[in-house]
Amino acid sequence: MRTPELLSDPVYHDEEAARLYLQEVRWSDGVYCPFCGALDDIKPLGGESMGAGWFYCPACQDKFTVRVGSVMERSHIPLTKWLLGFRLMASSKKGVSAHQLHRTLGITYKSAWFLAHRIRECMAVTDPAPLGGEGKTVEADETYFGRAGDPQDTIFITGKGWVRRGGEEKMKVMTLVERGGGARSIHADRLTSAEATRFLVRNADRASELNTDESHIYERVGRGFSAHDAVNHGKEEYARYEKAKDGKKKVITTNTVEGFFSIFKRGMRGVYQHCGEKHLHRYLAEFDFRYSNRKALGVEDPERTERAIKGAAGKRLTYRRTNSQASEGAASHTARLAARRARRAATRAGFDPRFSH
């Protein structure tokens, strides 16, 4: 499969080339139905009334395009702009603001903001493998960023004007980095021993060696790793060299995860500037993705962009409803689709269940 390297490539300017490239990325092993997953007898639909890129599934008797069943479904933004948005966000080390996307892609700021969050959803890993392993070292650390709470929760104070309510509590981030590998971050409500234990048990291989700072929250979970070593930042100790069991020299430090935090904070302060607490996990997924697919690991901009595009399949993101309403709406939508397909099948068989009584 040809991966576009230059921004002058037709996939970023020609809608037909963009559609063919997306089909090649998403359906590299053959076209399948996003509704029922069928692979056999998928037929392309032609004709001027339909337009290019439509397919028909005989199994569920429905039609679809490459957008269906992905974050691009029901989007009116052209595919060329979607691909350029993927490329810009995947290749910019500290991110691209929605205002920059709005100016570069020629779409409204609201559309650019929504497009950026959808791309971040593609970058989130749904079923991640544990970091580290036997003979490898993982570093864990936590940091504080911005201000917690709803930025819309303000109160008027004479002499100060409208200010945020609720004190100066910051948002909390916990990150795990495999030395020479990827990164995994979460937005933590509280930085406690129990929270650190849950995070590390789910995301790190216990055969790894764990490096942390002097924080007490890692003491209990550290006992479950092959080794747990800490540096004392309070005494200005940032790296220490010791002899390993095999006689080789090993370095004990958290400088790798601190380096990740420096990239994250520079991007959040210099590019995005404002981040609501309810969206922080999406920004963390974005920075995790780029760090875990960086040049030092042999991943260049085109391949990183392609991996982000592949992550679009099977994901949807809407902000019109709450989570509970969205889940109920998705269930009712699925039920309506099933009922519609049942009526179609019954009608073709000569029986309509709506008039059975």
Protein backbone atom coordinates (compact mmCIF):
# COMPACT_ATOMS: atom_id res chain seq x y z
CA MET A 1 0.00 0.00 0.00
CA ARG A 2 1.34 3.40 -0.97
CA THR A 3 1.64 5.78 1.96
CA PRO A 4 1.46 9.47 0.96
CA GLU A 5 4.59 11.26 2.13
CA LEU A 6 4.22 14.80 0.77
CA LEU A 7 1.39 17.23 1.53
CA SER A 8 1.21 17.86 -2.23
CA ASP A 9 0.01 14.27 -2.72
CA PRO A 10 -3.39 13.99 -4.49
CA VAL A 11 -5.01 12.29 -1.46
CA TYR A 12 -4.95 15.67 0.29
CA HIS A 13 -6.49 17.56 -2.63
CA ASP A 14 -8.54 15.14 -4.78
CA GLU A 15 -11.67 13.59 -3.23
CA GLU A 16 -11.58 10.49 -5.43
CA ALA A 17 -7.93 9.81 -4.58
CA ALA A 18 -8.70 10.34 -0.87
CA ARG A 19 -11.59 7.87 -0.99
CA LEU A 20 -9.54 5.19 -2.75
CA TYR A 21 -6.69 5.62 -0.26
CA LEU A 22 -9.05 5.32 2.72
CA GLN A 23 -10.59 2.16 1.26
CA GLU A 24 -7.11 0.74 0.81
CA VAL A 25 -6.18 1.51 4.42
CA ARG A 26 -9.41 0.35 6.04
CA TRP A 27 -10.14 -2.63 3.79
CA SER A 28 -6.64 -3.89 3.04
CA ASP A 29 -7.88 -7.51 3.29
CA GLY A 30 -11.06 -6.90 1.31
CA VAL A 31 -14.27 -4.92 1.72
CA TYR A 32 -16.45 -6.00 4.65
CA CYS A 33 -19.84 -4.80 5.86
CA PRO A 34 -19.60 -2.42 8.87
CA PHE A 35 -23.14 -3.44 9.92
CA CYS A 36 -22.93 -7.24 10.07
CA GLY A 37 -19.26 -7.93 9.30
CA ALA A 38 -20.01 -9.98 6.18
CA LEU A 39 -17.15 -10.46 3.70
CA ASP A 40 -18.81 -12.40 0.91
CA ASP A 41 -20.78 -11.04 -2.04
CA ILE A 42 -20.19 -7.36 -1.19
CA LYS A 43 -21.09 -5.50 -4.38
CA PRO A 44 -20.06 -2.00 -5.46
CA LEU A 45 -22.99 0.22 -6.43
CA GLY A 46 -22.72 2.45 -9.47
CA GLY A 47 -24.80 5.02 -11.24
CA GLU A 48 -24.90 8.80 -11.19
CA SER A 49 -27.63 8.93 -8.55
CA MET A 50 -25.54 7.02 -6.02
CA GLY A 51 -22.13 8.51 -6.69
CA ALA A 52 -18.82 6.73 -6.28
CA GLY A 53 -17.78 4.68 -3.28
CA TRP A 54 -21.05 2.96 -2.35
CA PHE A 55 -21.25 -0.77 -1.57
CA TYR A 56 -24.16 -3.14 -0.97
CA CYS A 57 -24.27 -6.04 1.51
CA PRO A 58 -26.73 -8.82 0.53
CA ALA A 59 -26.53 -10.35 4.03
CA CYS A 60 -28.07 -7.41 5.87
CA GLN A 61 -29.47 -5.71 2.75
CA ASP A 62 -27.91 -2.36 3.51
CA LYS A 63 -25.54 0.00 1.69
CA PHE A 64 -22.48 1.78 3.03
CA THR A 65 -19.35 3.77 2.20
CA VAL A 66 -15.87 3.85 3.72
CA ARG A 67 -17.08 6.48 6.20
CA VAL A 68 -19.69 4.20 7.80
CA GLY A 69 -18.68 2.56 11.06
CA SER A 70 -15.91 5.05 11.77
CA VAL A 71 -15.45 8.49 13.35
CA MET A 72 -16.08 9.97 9.88
CA GLU A 73 -19.62 8.62 9.67
CA ARG A 74 -22.28 11.30 9.02
CA SER A 75 -19.57 13.94 8.67
CA HIS A 76 -20.00 16.50 5.89
CA ILE A 77 -16.30 17.41 5.93
CA PRO A 78 -14.60 16.23 2.69
CA LEU A 79 -12.29 13.23 2.96
CA THR A 80 -9.35 15.29 1.72
CA LYS A 81 -9.69 17.58 4.75
CA TRP A 82 -10.07 14.60 7.06
CA LEU A 83 -6.83 13.08 5.75
CA LEU A 84 -4.97 16.37 6.03
CA GLY A 85 -6.25 16.72 9.60
CA PHE A 86 -4.97 13.23 10.41
CA ARG A 87 -1.59 14.07 8.89
CA LEU A 88 -1.20 17.37 10.73
CA MET A 89 -2.14 15.95 14.14
CA ALA A 90 -0.04 12.81 13.72
CA SER A 91 3.10 14.66 12.57
CA SER A 92 3.07 17.65 14.95
CA LYS A 93 5.07 16.72 18.04
CA LYS A 94 3.19 19.07 20.36
CA GLY A 95 -0.18 19.02 18.60
CA VAL A 96 -2.18 21.35 16.37
CA SER A 97 -4.75 23.75 17.78
CA ALA A 98 -8.34 23.77 16.53
CA HIS A 99 -7.85 27.38 15.38
CA GLN A 100 -4.87 26.28 13.25
CA LEU A 101 -6.90 23.42 11.78
CA HIS A 102 -9.75 25.86 11.13
CA ARG A 103 -7.44 28.16 9.14
CA THR A 104 -5.50 25.41 7.35
CA LEU A 105 -8.44 23.20 6.35
CA GLY A 106 -10.84 26.03 5.56
CA ILE A 107 -13.62 24.81 7.86
CA THR A 108 -15.35 26.48 10.80
CA TYR A 109 -13.71 26.53 14.22
CA LYS A 110 -16.49 24.36 15.69
CA SER A 111 -15.98 21.76 12.96
CA ALA A 112 -12.21 21.85 13.46
CA TRP A 113 -12.61 21.38 17.23
CA PHE A 114 -14.93 18.42 16.72
CA LEU A 115 -12.68 16.91 14.02
CA ALA A 116 -9.66 17.14 16.34
CA HIS A 117 -11.47 15.31 19.15
CA ARG A 118 -12.58 12.60 16.75
CA ILE A 119 -8.99 12.11 15.60
CA ARG A 120 -7.90 11.87 19.25
CA GLU A 121 -10.52 9.16 19.67
CA CYS A 122 -8.81 7.28 16.81
CA MET A 123 -5.46 7.60 18.58
CA ALA A 124 -6.77 6.01 21.79
CA VAL A 125 -5.74 2.36 22.15
CA THR A 126 -8.79 0.24 22.95
CA ASP A 127 -7.05 -2.99 24.00
CA PRO A 128 -3.46 -2.13 24.96
CA ALA A 129 -0.82 -4.73 25.71
CA PRO A 130 1.12 -4.34 29.00
CA LEU A 131 4.23 -2.18 28.81
CA GLY A 132 7.62 -3.61 29.70
CA GLY A 133 8.47 -7.26 30.21
CA GLU A 134 11.35 -9.44 31.38
CA GLY A 135 14.62 -7.53 31.21
CA LYS A 136 12.87 -4.21 30.57
CA THR A 137 12.39 -1.15 32.75
CA VAL A 138 9.25 0.94 33.16
CA GLU A 139 9.14 4.34 34.81
CA ALA A 140 6.08 5.66 36.65
CA ASP A 141 5.46 9.21 37.80
CA GLU A 142 2.68 11.71 38.34
CA THR A 143 2.26 15.39 37.56
CA TYR A 144 -0.20 18.23 38.06
CA PHE A 145 -1.54 20.39 35.28
CA GLY A 146 -4.00 23.27 34.77
CA ARG A 147 -6.98 23.58 37.07
CA ALA A 148 -9.57 20.98 37.96
CA GLY A 149 -13.30 21.56 37.77
CA ASP A 150 -15.60 23.05 35.18
CA PRO A 151 -14.17 26.24 33.60
CA GLN A 152 -17.76 27.48 33.20
CA ASP A 153 -18.29 27.40 36.98
CA THR A 154 -17.56 31.07 37.74
CA ILE A 155 -18.57 33.62 40.34
CA PHE A 156 -18.46 37.43 40.26
CA ILE A 157 -16.17 39.04 42.87
CA THR A 158 -16.07 42.80 43.25
CA GLY A 159 -12.73 44.14 42.14
CA LYS A 160 -11.81 40.91 40.34
CA GLY A 161 -14.74 40.30 38.01
CA TRP A 162 -15.76 36.81 36.96
CA VAL A 163 -13.38 34.21 38.43
CA ARG A 164 -13.50 30.43 38.63
CA ARG A 165 -15.03 28.89 41.71
CA GLY A 166 -13.46 26.08 43.72
CA GLY A 167 -9.90 27.05 44.65
CA GLU A 168 -6.65 26.23 42.92
CA GLU A 169 -6.74 22.41 42.77
CA LYS A 170 -4.95 21.11 39.68
CA MET A 171 -5.75 18.20 37.37
CA LYS A 172 -3.76 15.05 38.14
CA VAL A 173 -2.01 12.89 35.55
CA MET A 174 -0.29 9.55 36.10
CA THR A 175 2.00 8.18 33.37
CA LEU A 176 3.86 4.96 32.78
CA VAL A 177 6.70 4.87 30.20
CA GLU A 178 8.62 1.85 29.00
CA ARG A 179 12.26 2.82 28.59
CA GLY A 180 12.86 2.64 24.86
CA GLY A 181 9.14 1.95 24.26
CA GLY A 182 5.69 3.46 24.55
CA ALA A 183 3.76 5.53 27.08
CA ARG A 184 0.41 5.13 28.86
CA SER A 185 -1.32 7.97 30.76
CA ILE A 186 -4.52 8.43 32.75
CA HIS A 187 -6.36 11.32 34.32
CA ALA A 188 -6.49 10.40 38.01
CA ASP A 189 -9.11 11.71 40.42
CA ARG A 190 -6.78 11.11 43.38
CA LEU A 191 -3.09 10.23 43.54
CA THR A 192 -3.27 7.42 46.08
CA SER A 193 -1.60 4.06 46.56
CA ALA A 194 -4.78 2.27 45.48
CA GLU A 195 -5.01 4.33 42.27
CA ALA A 196 -1.32 3.71 41.48
CA THR A 197 -1.78 -0.02 42.08
CA ARG A 198 -4.78 -0.25 39.73
CA PHE A 199 -2.98 1.72 37.03
CA LEU A 200 0.25 -0.27 37.14
CA VAL A 201 -1.39 -3.70 37.44
CA ARG A 202 -3.50 -3.01 34.34
CA ASN A 203 -0.79 -1.45 32.20
CA ALA A 204 2.61 -2.89 33.18
CA ASP A 205 4.11 -6.37 32.94
CA ARG A 206 5.04 -7.49 36.46
CA ALA A 207 8.24 -9.06 35.12
CA SER A 208 9.58 -5.55 34.49
CA GLU A 209 11.81 -3.49 36.73
CA LEU A 210 10.00 -0.44 38.11
CA ASN A 211 11.67 2.95 38.55
CA THR A 212 9.87 5.74 40.45
CA ASP A 213 10.64 8.74 42.61
CA GLU A 214 10.43 8.68 46.42
CA SER A 215 6.62 8.91 46.46
CA HIS A 216 5.07 6.43 48.90
CA ILE A 217 2.15 5.58 46.59
CA TYR A 218 4.37 3.13 44.64
CA GLU A 219 5.76 1.20 47.61
CA ARG A 220 3.04 -1.46 47.82
CA VAL A 221 2.61 -2.11 44.10
CA GLY A 222 6.40 -2.02 43.60
CA ARG A 223 6.76 -5.24 45.61
CA GLY A 224 5.01 -7.14 42.82
CA PHE A 225 7.63 -6.25 40.18
CA SER A 226 10.92 -8.02 39.59
CA ALA A 227 12.63 -4.98 41.15
CA HIS A 228 11.57 -1.57 42.41
CA ASP A 229 14.16 1.19 42.63
CA ALA A 230 13.54 4.86 43.44
CA VAL A 231 15.44 8.11 43.13
CA ASN A 232 15.08 10.83 45.76
CA HIS A 233 14.19 14.08 44.03
CA GLY A 234 13.89 15.79 47.42
CA LYS A 235 17.64 15.34 47.85
CA GLU A 236 18.28 16.39 44.22
CA GLU A 237 19.03 12.83 43.12
CA TYR A 238 17.85 12.34 39.54
CA ALA A 239 19.90 9.34 38.37
CA ARG A 240 21.82 6.59 40.12
CA TYR A 241 23.98 3.83 38.72
CA GLU A 242 24.06 0.37 40.27
CA LYS A 243 25.29 -3.10 39.35
CA ALA A 244 22.55 -5.47 38.20
CA LYS A 245 22.31 -9.17 39.12
CA ASP A 246 23.96 -10.15 35.82
CA GLY A 247 26.91 -7.88 36.57
CA LYS A 248 25.94 -5.17 34.10
CA LYS A 249 25.51 -1.54 35.08
CA LYS A 250 21.93 -0.30 35.29
CA VAL A 251 20.64 3.24 35.59
CA ILE A 252 17.89 4.12 38.04
CA THR A 253 16.03 7.24 36.96
CA THR A 254 12.66 8.73 36.04
CA ASN A 255 14.14 11.09 33.43
CA THR A 256 12.34 9.28 30.60
CA VAL A 257 8.86 9.86 31.99
CA GLU A 258 9.87 13.40 32.98
CA GLY A 259 10.80 13.96 29.34
CA PHE A 260 7.33 12.80 28.32
CA PHE A 261 5.80 15.30 30.76
CA SER A 262 7.90 18.11 29.25
CA ILE A 263 6.49 17.39 25.77
CA PHE A 264 2.95 17.10 27.13
CA LYS A 265 3.05 20.34 29.12
CA ARG A 266 4.70 22.35 26.35
CA GLY A 267 2.00 21.21 23.97
CA MET A 268 -0.85 21.89 26.39
CA ARG A 269 0.43 25.32 27.40
CA GLY A 270 1.90 26.50 24.11
CA VAL A 271 -0.52 25.00 21.59
CA TYR A 272 -3.83 24.13 23.25
CA GLN A 273 -3.62 26.59 26.17
CA HIS A 274 -7.07 25.70 27.57
CA CYS A 275 -8.29 22.21 28.44
CA GLY A 276 -11.45 21.24 30.30
CA GLU A 277 -11.09 18.42 32.80
CA LYS A 278 -13.69 16.28 31.02
CA HIS A 279 -11.56 16.31 27.84
CA LEU A 280 -8.12 15.75 29.42
CA HIS A 281 -8.14 12.00 28.76
CA ARG A 282 -8.41 12.63 25.01
CA TYR A 283 -5.39 14.94 24.98
CA LEU A 284 -3.46 12.34 26.97
CA ALA A 285 -4.35 9.70 24.37
CA GLU A 286 -3.03 12.01 21.64
CA PHE A 287 0.35 12.57 23.33
CA ASP A 288 0.61 8.86 24.26
CA PHE A 289 -0.01 7.91 20.63
CA ARG A 290 2.65 10.18 19.17
CA TYR A 291 5.20 9.17 21.84
CA SER A 292 4.51 5.45 21.33
CA ASN A 293 4.86 5.87 17.55
CA ARG A 294 7.86 8.21 17.46
CA LYS A 295 10.81 8.32 15.09
CA ALA A 296 13.15 6.72 17.65
CA LEU A 297 11.01 3.58 17.38
CA GLY A 298 11.23 3.59 13.59
CA VAL A 299 7.85 5.22 12.89
CA GLU A 300 7.90 8.17 10.48
CA ASP A 301 5.10 10.67 9.82
CA PRO A 302 3.34 8.73 6.98
CA GLU A 303 3.19 5.47 8.93
CA ARG A 304 2.06 7.28 12.10
CA THR A 305 -0.73 8.92 10.09
CA GLU A 306 -1.77 5.57 8.66
CA ARG A 307 -1.94 4.00 12.13
CA ALA A 308 -4.17 6.83 13.33
CA ILE A 309 -6.48 6.35 10.34
CA LYS A 310 -6.75 2.61 11.04
CA GLY A 311 -7.83 3.48 14.57
CA ALA A 312 -10.94 5.20 13.18
CA ALA A 313 -12.73 1.92 12.43
CA GLY A 314 -15.45 0.88 14.86
CA LYS A 315 -15.44 4.18 16.78
CA ARG A 316 -17.96 6.99 16.99
CA LEU A 317 -17.88 10.22 18.96
CA THR A 318 -20.81 12.57 19.58
CA TYR A 319 -21.30 15.41 22.03
CA ARG A 320 -25.05 15.83 21.65
CA ARG A 321 -26.04 13.60 24.56
CA THR A 322 -24.74 12.41 27.90
CA ASN A 323 -23.11 9.00 28.19
CA SER A 324 -26.24 7.31 29.57
CA GLN A 325 -28.45 8.89 26.93
CA ALA A 326 -25.96 8.00 24.23
CA SER A 327 -25.86 4.34 25.28
CA GLU A 328 -29.66 4.22 25.37
CA GLY A 329 -29.80 5.93 21.98
CA ALA A 330 -27.26 3.50 20.51
CA ALA A 331 -29.27 0.54 21.83
CA SER A 332 -32.52 1.90 20.40
CA HIS A 333 -30.78 2.65 17.08
CA THR A 334 -29.52 -0.93 16.91
CA ALA A 335 -33.01 -2.23 17.72
CA ARG A 336 -34.52 -0.05 14.99
CA LEU A 337 -31.98 -1.33 12.46
CA ALA A 338 -32.71 -4.95 13.44
CA ALA A 339 -36.47 -4.36 13.16
CA ARG A 340 -36.07 -2.68 9.79
CA ARG A 341 -33.97 -5.57 8.44
CA ALA A 342 -36.49 -8.08 9.81
CA ARG A 343 -39.32 -6.25 8.03
CA ARG A 344 -37.33 -6.23 4.80
CA ALA A 345 -36.68 -9.96 5.02
CA ALA A 346 -40.32 -10.69 5.90
CA THR A 347 -41.60 -8.50 3.08
CA ARG A 348 -39.37 -10.31 0.58
CA ALA A 349 -40.78 -13.57 1.93
CA GLY A 350 -44.34 -12.31 1.40
CA PHE A 351 -45.20 -11.53 5.03
CA ASP A 352 -45.18 -8.15 6.79
CA PRO A 353 -45.10 -8.47 10.64
CA ARG A 354 -46.63 -4.99 11.08
CA PHE A 355 -49.95 -6.31 9.76
CA SER A 356 -49.95 -9.76 11.34
CA HIS A 357 -52.78 -9.06 13.83
